[in-house]
């Protein structure tokens, strides 16, 4: 039976209720993390393609995610979040099948690359559908006053999954072969599908007329652009850190992803009340400034240990950017468009991560690998400047 629902759940433990929904985010992003530490190197070293090509293939995921955000928002607002989660899990399972076939055909490098591109598109489809749906599910079940908490725990689930998935993926690839990643991704996607089928579909009950997706996109745009600029720091680390370490003849690049994600999670747990206490924009400004410092450390690092410090500071800085600006963006949208608002807002991080591959890959190809982090630092600092401008403009409204 589905809750159509104006009736909000009144759980004795809000956090556990939220976790019950954002676990689907963890499942989805764990499948993404499994291949994140191995695919860029596989494309570059084993298939023999350039860093630019590797970056473009990896970034296809974010392009696909970008394209399906509005579709997800429409499903959530019209039918509830459960159908969107179910469809997303189907996408992740399909990505596992494509990945398995691609890796079994690695001797045919053009065919393998094409199938890897399809894998990334299917992964992006799954990510596009999972992006706003667990958050909306949790908000519908606990109430809108828990929006910041739902967004924060959803982020913990996503980056925690990436932190766990990346080293597990390397162990699987090393121990059982690259093709094992496809089998595991398929199995996890299937598991998520059946878990989602068992949960109640909690829907919003607003009678307020909804706006078009483009109108909602315009509302959230200033905050989304700030998020997108901040996302370039994470994109640089997640997409290019393995190639950066290889360029410097360093080992254990995956530790950078794990340290980034660990400090990201710690930031959300330790500073969980910052958004409610100081406001989303002020919190975002501090976070983007901190992220810029982290990227500066990565740029200047002359040992892998110092690079880990930079990754940790970057993760700490990026930790609250999404919920801080997200709370400000979503509260401006009509109640009947909350799913669309979250989807529209998420488009900007998708665009950011989608541009990371070709943009920063182009910087690496034309100026050298050592320039990727100073470039990312400047972009993130521009996000800080934008938030300062928006904050000043709001004081005069």
Protein backbone atom coordinates (compact mmCIF):
# COMPACT_ATOMS: atom_id res chain seq x y z
CA UNK A 1 0.00 0.00 0.00
CA UNK A 2 1.35 3.43 -0.87
CA UNK A 3 1.11 6.53 1.28
CA UNK A 4 -0.40 9.18 -0.92
CA UNK A 5 0.15 11.20 1.66
CA UNK A 6 -0.32 14.06 3.46
CA UNK A 7 0.41 12.03 6.54
CA UNK A 8 3.96 12.52 7.64
CA UNK A 9 5.76 9.79 9.46
CA UNK A 10 6.45 10.63 13.08
CA UNK A 11 9.49 8.49 13.78
CA UNK A 12 11.10 8.40 17.20
CA UNK A 13 14.46 8.54 15.49
CA UNK A 14 14.58 10.90 12.53
CA UNK A 15 18.14 9.94 11.58
CA UNK A 16 17.31 6.23 11.29
CA UNK A 17 14.28 7.06 9.17
CA UNK A 18 16.38 9.19 6.82
CA UNK A 19 19.03 6.45 6.62
CA UNK A 20 16.29 4.02 5.59
CA UNK A 21 15.83 6.05 2.41
CA UNK A 22 19.31 7.33 1.64
CA UNK A 23 20.64 3.77 1.74
CA UNK A 24 19.57 3.66 -1.92
CA UNK A 25 21.98 6.50 -2.60
CA UNK A 26 24.72 4.44 -0.94
CA UNK A 27 23.88 1.42 -3.08
CA UNK A 28 23.96 3.46 -6.29
CA UNK A 29 27.16 5.32 -5.53
CA UNK A 30 28.92 2.20 -4.29
CA UNK A 31 28.50 0.74 -7.78
CA UNK A 32 29.94 3.98 -9.20
CA UNK A 33 32.89 3.87 -6.80
CA UNK A 34 33.78 0.29 -7.72
CA UNK A 35 35.08 1.32 -11.13
CA UNK A 36 36.20 4.86 -10.31
CA UNK A 37 39.69 3.88 -9.21
CA UNK A 38 40.44 1.54 -12.10
CA UNK A 39 38.67 2.63 -15.30
CA UNK A 40 40.69 5.82 -16.04
CA UNK A 41 43.98 3.90 -15.75
CA UNK A 42 42.54 0.94 -17.70
CA UNK A 43 41.50 3.19 -20.60
CA UNK A 44 44.79 5.10 -20.59
CA UNK A 45 47.32 2.33 -19.89
CA UNK A 46 45.75 -0.92 -21.11
CA UNK A 47 43.66 0.32 -24.01
CA UNK A 48 46.27 2.93 -24.90
CA UNK A 49 44.07 6.01 -25.22
CA UNK A 50 45.08 9.53 -24.15
CA UNK A 51 44.24 11.17 -20.83
CA UNK A 52 41.80 13.37 -22.76
CA UNK A 53 39.91 10.34 -24.13
CA UNK A 54 39.91 8.69 -20.70
CA UNK A 55 38.49 11.87 -19.17
CA UNK A 56 35.78 12.18 -21.83
CA UNK A 57 34.64 8.55 -21.39
CA UNK A 58 34.52 8.88 -17.61
CA UNK A 59 32.62 12.16 -17.91
CA UNK A 60 29.91 10.62 -20.11
CA UNK A 61 28.36 9.45 -16.86
CA UNK A 62 27.84 13.03 -15.74
CA UNK A 63 26.43 14.05 -19.12
CA UNK A 64 23.86 11.27 -18.88
CA UNK A 65 23.05 12.20 -15.29
CA UNK A 66 22.55 15.80 -16.40
CA UNK A 67 20.12 14.78 -19.14
CA UNK A 68 17.94 12.66 -16.84
CA UNK A 69 17.65 15.00 -13.83
CA UNK A 70 14.52 16.73 -15.17
CA UNK A 71 12.95 13.35 -16.00
CA UNK A 72 13.58 12.25 -12.41
CA UNK A 73 12.05 15.45 -11.03
CA UNK A 74 8.86 14.92 -13.04
CA UNK A 75 8.51 11.33 -11.84
CA UNK A 76 9.06 12.34 -8.21
CA UNK A 77 6.56 15.22 -8.27
CA UNK A 78 3.88 13.28 -10.18
CA UNK A 79 4.25 9.68 -8.96
CA UNK A 80 6.46 9.88 -5.89
CA UNK A 81 10.11 8.97 -5.29
CA UNK A 82 9.76 5.18 -5.22
CA UNK A 83 9.35 4.69 -9.01
CA UNK A 84 12.41 6.87 -9.64
CA UNK A 85 14.51 4.76 -7.25
CA UNK A 86 13.35 1.52 -8.87
CA UNK A 87 14.21 2.80 -12.36
CA UNK A 88 17.61 4.00 -11.14
CA UNK A 89 18.49 0.59 -9.73
CA UNK A 90 17.58 -0.94 -13.08
CA UNK A 91 20.04 1.49 -14.71
CA UNK A 92 22.85 0.48 -12.34
CA UNK A 93 22.20 -3.22 -12.98
CA UNK A 94 22.36 -2.62 -16.76
CA UNK A 95 25.63 -0.70 -16.35
CA UNK A 96 27.08 -3.80 -14.70
CA UNK A 97 26.13 -5.94 -17.69
CA UNK A 98 27.68 -3.46 -20.15
CA UNK A 99 30.83 -3.29 -18.02
CA UNK A 100 31.14 -7.07 -17.90
CA UNK A 101 30.85 -7.44 -21.68
CA UNK A 102 33.26 -4.53 -22.28
CA UNK A 103 35.95 -6.04 -20.08
CA UNK A 104 35.52 -9.48 -21.60
CA UNK A 105 36.20 -7.87 -25.00
CA UNK A 106 39.23 -5.81 -23.92
CA UNK A 107 41.37 -7.32 -26.70
CA UNK A 108 39.19 -5.41 -29.18
CA UNK A 109 39.98 -1.95 -27.90
CA UNK A 110 37.56 0.05 -30.08
CA UNK A 111 34.63 -2.22 -29.17
CA UNK A 112 35.71 -2.20 -25.53
CA UNK A 113 35.86 1.60 -25.47
CA UNK A 114 32.40 1.86 -27.05
CA UNK A 115 30.94 -0.51 -24.47
CA UNK A 116 32.66 1.39 -21.67
CA UNK A 117 31.03 4.55 -23.01
CA UNK A 118 27.64 2.77 -22.86
CA UNK A 119 28.49 1.66 -19.34
CA UNK A 120 29.11 5.23 -18.27
CA UNK A 121 25.87 6.41 -19.92
CA UNK A 122 23.87 3.70 -18.10
CA UNK A 123 25.59 4.60 -14.85
CA UNK A 124 24.70 8.25 -15.39
CA UNK A 125 21.09 7.27 -16.08
CA UNK A 126 20.99 5.49 -12.73
CA UNK A 127 22.64 8.42 -10.98
CA UNK A 128 20.24 10.91 -12.57
CA UNK A 129 17.24 9.02 -11.21
CA UNK A 130 18.75 8.40 -7.77
CA UNK A 131 19.97 11.98 -7.25
CA UNK A 132 16.85 13.64 -5.83
CA UNK A 133 14.59 10.67 -5.13
CA UNK A 134 15.93 9.34 -1.79
CA UNK A 135 16.22 12.92 -0.45
CA UNK A 136 12.61 13.68 -1.43
CA UNK A 137 11.49 10.33 -0.02
CA UNK A 138 13.14 11.18 3.31
CA UNK A 139 11.75 14.75 3.34
CA UNK A 140 8.22 13.50 2.57
CA UNK A 141 8.49 11.00 5.43
CA UNK A 142 10.01 13.30 8.07
CA UNK A 143 8.87 16.82 7.13
CA UNK A 144 10.40 19.77 5.30
CA UNK A 145 12.08 21.11 8.46
CA UNK A 146 14.49 18.17 8.11
CA UNK A 147 15.53 19.13 4.55
CA UNK A 148 19.11 20.06 5.49
CA UNK A 149 19.53 16.85 7.46
CA UNK A 150 18.15 14.73 4.61
CA UNK A 151 20.46 16.39 2.07
CA UNK A 152 23.45 16.05 4.42
CA UNK A 153 22.92 12.36 5.13
CA UNK A 154 22.28 11.71 1.46
CA UNK A 155 25.69 13.25 0.74
CA UNK A 156 27.30 11.13 3.44
CA UNK A 157 25.79 8.09 1.77
CA UNK A 158 27.06 9.08 -1.68
CA UNK A 159 30.63 10.01 -0.75
CA UNK A 160 30.87 7.27 1.85
CA UNK A 161 29.92 4.83 -0.89
CA UNK A 162 32.59 6.27 -3.19
CA UNK A 163 35.17 6.03 -0.40
CA UNK A 164 34.26 2.39 0.21
CA UNK A 165 33.70 1.42 -3.41
CA UNK A 166 36.99 2.64 -4.88
CA UNK A 167 39.34 0.42 -2.80
CA UNK A 168 36.94 -2.52 -3.03
CA UNK A 169 36.95 -2.14 -6.81
CA UNK A 170 40.75 -2.22 -6.91
CA UNK A 171 40.86 -5.33 -4.71
CA UNK A 172 38.27 -7.06 -6.91
CA UNK A 173 40.09 -6.14 -10.12
CA UNK A 174 43.46 -7.26 -8.71
CA UNK A 175 42.20 -10.49 -7.15
CA UNK A 176 39.51 -11.70 -9.51
CA UNK A 177 40.10 -9.67 -12.68
CA UNK A 178 38.47 -6.57 -14.10
CA UNK A 179 35.41 -8.48 -15.34
CA UNK A 180 34.43 -9.24 -11.74
CA UNK A 181 33.49 -5.56 -11.37
CA UNK A 182 30.69 -5.98 -13.89
CA UNK A 183 29.28 -9.00 -12.04
CA UNK A 184 29.32 -7.20 -8.68
CA UNK A 185 27.77 -3.99 -10.06
CA UNK A 186 24.95 -6.00 -11.65
CA UNK A 187 24.28 -7.93 -8.42
CA UNK A 188 24.22 -4.77 -6.28
CA UNK A 189 21.88 -2.97 -8.68
CA UNK A 190 19.53 -5.96 -8.60
CA UNK A 191 19.62 -6.01 -4.80
CA UNK A 192 18.73 -2.31 -4.67
CA UNK A 193 15.81 -2.92 -7.05
CA UNK A 194 14.20 -5.51 -4.77
CA UNK A 195 14.84 -3.45 -1.61
CA UNK A 196 13.09 -0.46 -3.19
CA UNK A 197 10.13 -2.60 -4.23
CA UNK A 198 9.51 -3.44 -0.56
CA UNK A 199 9.30 0.16 0.70
CA UNK A 200 6.23 2.37 0.89
CA UNK A 201 5.96 5.22 -1.60
CA UNK A 202 5.59 8.38 0.53
CA UNK A 203 4.38 11.24 -1.64
CA UNK A 204 3.93 14.95 -1.04
CA UNK A 205 0.42 16.42 -0.81
CA UNK A 206 0.80 20.03 -1.97
CA UNK A 207 -2.12 21.44 -3.96
CA UNK A 208 -0.05 24.44 -5.06
CA UNK A 209 0.24 24.76 -8.85
CA UNK A 210 3.61 23.64 -10.12
CA UNK A 211 5.99 25.63 -12.30
CA UNK A 212 7.72 24.41 -15.44
CA UNK A 213 11.12 22.77 -15.03
CA UNK A 214 12.78 25.72 -16.77
CA UNK A 215 11.15 28.14 -14.34
CA UNK A 216 12.40 26.08 -11.41
CA UNK A 217 15.84 25.89 -13.00
CA UNK A 218 15.96 29.69 -13.18
CA UNK A 219 15.07 29.95 -9.48
CA UNK A 220 17.86 27.65 -8.32
CA UNK A 221 20.48 28.78 -10.88
CA UNK A 222 22.54 31.21 -8.74
CA UNK A 223 23.00 28.56 -6.06
CA UNK A 224 23.54 25.81 -8.61
CA UNK A 225 26.33 27.72 -10.35
CA UNK A 226 28.11 28.11 -7.01
CA UNK A 227 27.74 24.38 -6.45
CA UNK A 228 29.02 23.61 -9.95
CA UNK A 229 32.17 25.68 -9.46
CA UNK A 230 32.78 23.99 -6.12
CA UNK A 231 32.29 20.59 -7.74
CA UNK A 232 35.30 21.08 -10.01
CA UNK A 233 37.59 20.38 -7.06
CA UNK A 234 36.00 17.02 -6.42
CA UNK A 235 35.87 16.32 -10.15
CA UNK A 236 39.59 16.95 -10.54
CA UNK A 237 40.40 14.52 -7.73
CA UNK A 238 37.93 11.77 -8.67
CA UNK A 239 38.73 11.78 -12.40
CA UNK A 240 42.44 12.58 -12.58
CA UNK A 241 44.09 11.67 -9.28
CA UNK A 242 45.16 8.23 -10.53
CA UNK A 243 46.77 9.76 -13.62
CA UNK A 244 48.30 12.56 -11.52
CA UNK A 245 49.92 10.04 -9.15
CA UNK A 246 51.16 7.97 -12.07
CA UNK A 247 52.69 11.10 -13.65
CA UNK A 248 54.61 11.79 -10.43
CA UNK A 249 55.50 8.08 -9.98
CA UNK A 250 53.57 7.95 -6.71
CA UNK A 251 51.55 4.94 -5.55
CA UNK A 252 48.19 4.39 -3.80
CA UNK A 253 46.29 7.14 -5.57
CA UNK A 254 43.03 5.61 -4.37
CA UNK A 255 43.95 6.79 -0.86
CA UNK A 256 43.31 10.35 -2.03
CA UNK A 257 39.72 9.44 -2.92
CA UNK A 258 39.27 7.68 0.41
CA UNK A 259 40.77 10.56 2.43
CA UNK A 260 38.68 13.09 0.51
CA UNK A 261 35.51 11.11 1.20
CA UNK A 262 36.40 10.45 4.84
CA UNK A 263 36.89 14.14 5.61
CA UNK A 264 33.82 14.95 3.55
CA UNK A 265 31.77 12.70 5.84
CA UNK A 266 33.44 14.03 9.00
CA UNK A 267 32.66 17.58 7.88
CA UNK A 268 28.97 16.76 7.51
CA UNK A 269 28.81 14.98 10.87
CA UNK A 270 30.82 17.47 12.93
CA UNK A 271 29.39 20.64 11.39
CA UNK A 272 25.87 19.30 10.80
CA UNK A 273 24.18 22.27 12.52
CA UNK A 274 26.20 24.98 10.74
CA UNK A 275 23.57 25.54 8.04
CA UNK A 276 20.74 26.05 10.55
CA UNK A 277 22.93 28.18 12.84
CA UNK A 278 24.64 30.44 10.30
CA UNK A 279 22.62 30.13 7.10
CA UNK A 280 23.33 28.33 3.85
CA UNK A 281 25.21 31.09 2.05
CA UNK A 282 27.62 31.89 4.90
CA UNK A 283 28.30 28.19 5.38
CA UNK A 284 28.94 27.77 1.66
CA UNK A 285 31.38 30.70 1.61
CA UNK A 286 33.49 29.19 4.41
CA UNK A 287 33.37 25.78 2.72
CA UNK A 288 34.42 27.03 -0.72
CA UNK A 289 37.29 29.02 0.79
CA UNK A 290 38.45 25.90 2.64
CA UNK A 291 38.17 23.79 -0.51
CA UNK A 292 40.34 26.32 -2.36
CA UNK A 293 43.02 25.97 0.33
CA UNK A 294 42.89 22.17 -0.04
CA UNK A 295 43.46 22.40 -3.78
CA UNK A 296 46.33 24.82 -3.16
CA UNK A 297 47.96 22.21 -0.91
CA UNK A 298 47.48 19.53 -3.60
CA UNK A 299 49.09 21.82 -6.16
CA UNK A 300 52.13 22.50 -3.98
CA UNK A 301 52.45 18.97 -2.55
CA UNK A 302 55.85 17.41 -3.23
CA UNK A 303 55.10 14.10 -1.49
CA UNK A 304 52.06 11.79 -1.61
CA UNK A 305 51.58 12.33 2.13
CA UNK A 306 51.15 16.07 1.68
CA UNK A 307 48.79 15.35 -1.21
CA UNK A 308 46.63 13.36 1.21
CA UNK A 309 46.47 16.43 3.46
CA UNK A 310 45.31 18.49 0.50
CA UNK A 311 42.68 15.89 -0.40
CA UNK A 312 41.42 15.86 3.19
CA UNK A 313 41.13 19.67 3.38
CA UNK A 314 39.40 19.70 -0.02
CA UNK A 315 36.91 17.08 1.16
CA UNK A 316 36.28 18.98 4.39
CA UNK A 317 35.66 22.16 2.40
CA UNK A 318 33.34 20.55 -0.13
CA UNK A 319 31.40 18.68 2.57
CA UNK A 320 28.63 21.22 3.18
CA UNK A 321 28.57 23.03 -0.17
CA UNK A 322 25.75 20.90 -1.61
CA UNK A 323 23.37 21.03 1.40
CA UNK A 324 24.21 24.65 2.26
CA UNK A 325 23.35 26.01 -1.18
CA UNK A 326 20.67 23.34 -1.69
CA UNK A 327 18.63 24.46 1.31
CA UNK A 328 18.71 28.04 0.02
CA UNK A 329 17.71 26.94 -3.48
CA UNK A 330 14.93 24.48 -2.62
CA UNK A 331 13.12 26.77 -0.19
CA UNK A 332 12.58 29.27 -3.03
CA UNK A 333 10.66 26.69 -5.13
CA UNK A 334 6.91 25.95 -4.78
CA UNK A 335 6.04 22.99 -2.54
CA UNK A 336 4.69 21.11 -5.56
CA UNK A 337 8.08 21.41 -7.28
CA UNK A 338 10.44 20.23 -4.54
CA UNK A 339 11.48 17.17 -6.53
CA UNK A 340 12.02 19.28 -9.64
CA UNK A 341 13.96 21.84 -7.59
CA UNK A 342 16.31 19.18 -6.22
CA UNK A 343 16.68 17.75 -9.71
CA UNK A 344 17.34 21.16 -11.26
CA UNK A 345 19.83 22.01 -8.54
CA UNK A 346 21.58 18.67 -9.08
CA UNK A 347 21.99 19.51 -12.77
CA UNK A 348 24.73 21.95 -11.89
CA UNK A 349 26.92 19.41 -10.13
CA UNK A 350 26.34 17.06 -13.08
CA UNK A 351 27.38 19.78 -15.52
CA UNK A 352 30.41 20.51 -13.37
CA UNK A 353 31.54 16.90 -13.19
CA UNK A 354 30.67 16.36 -16.84
CA UNK A 355 32.90 19.26 -17.86
CA UNK A 356 35.70 18.12 -15.56
CA UNK A 357 36.93 15.42 -17.95
CA UNK A 358 37.30 17.46 -21.16
CA UNK A 359 38.06 20.76 -19.39
CA UNK A 360 40.73 19.61 -16.94
CA UNK A 361 41.87 16.94 -19.39
CA UNK A 362 42.43 19.74 -21.88
CA UNK A 363 44.43 21.67 -19.28
CA UNK A 364 46.57 18.56 -18.65
CA UNK A 365 47.10 17.90 -22.37
CA UNK A 366 47.94 21.49 -23.32
CA UNK A 367 49.77 22.81 -20.24
CA UNK A 368 50.80 19.70 -18.32
CA UNK A 369 49.43 17.51 -15.53
CA UNK A 370 50.87 19.82 -12.86
CA UNK A 371 48.39 22.56 -13.81
CA UNK A 372 45.16 20.68 -13.06
CA UNK A 373 44.94 21.63 -9.39
CA UNK A 374 45.80 25.36 -9.69
CA UNK A 375 43.14 25.58 -12.42
CA UNK A 376 40.60 23.80 -10.21
CA UNK A 377 41.52 26.06 -7.29
CA UNK A 378 40.74 29.18 -9.31
CA UNK A 379 37.35 27.77 -10.37
CA UNK A 380 36.38 26.90 -6.79
CA UNK A 381 37.44 30.34 -5.57
CA UNK A 382 35.18 31.86 -8.24
CA UNK A 383 32.34 29.94 -6.56
CA UNK A 384 33.27 31.62 -3.27
CA UNK A 385 33.16 35.04 -4.95
CA UNK A 386 29.74 34.26 -6.45
CA UNK A 387 28.33 33.33 -3.04
CA UNK A 388 29.65 36.59 -1.58
CA UNK A 389 27.87 38.52 -4.36
CA UNK A 390 24.57 36.62 -3.93
CA UNK A 391 24.71 37.11 -0.16
CA UNK A 392 25.21 40.88 -0.55
CA UNK A 393 22.40 41.13 -3.11
CA UNK A 394 19.99 39.36 -0.76
CA UNK A 395 20.67 41.91 1.97
CA UNK A 396 19.29 44.62 -0.31
CA UNK A 397 16.18 42.70 -1.39
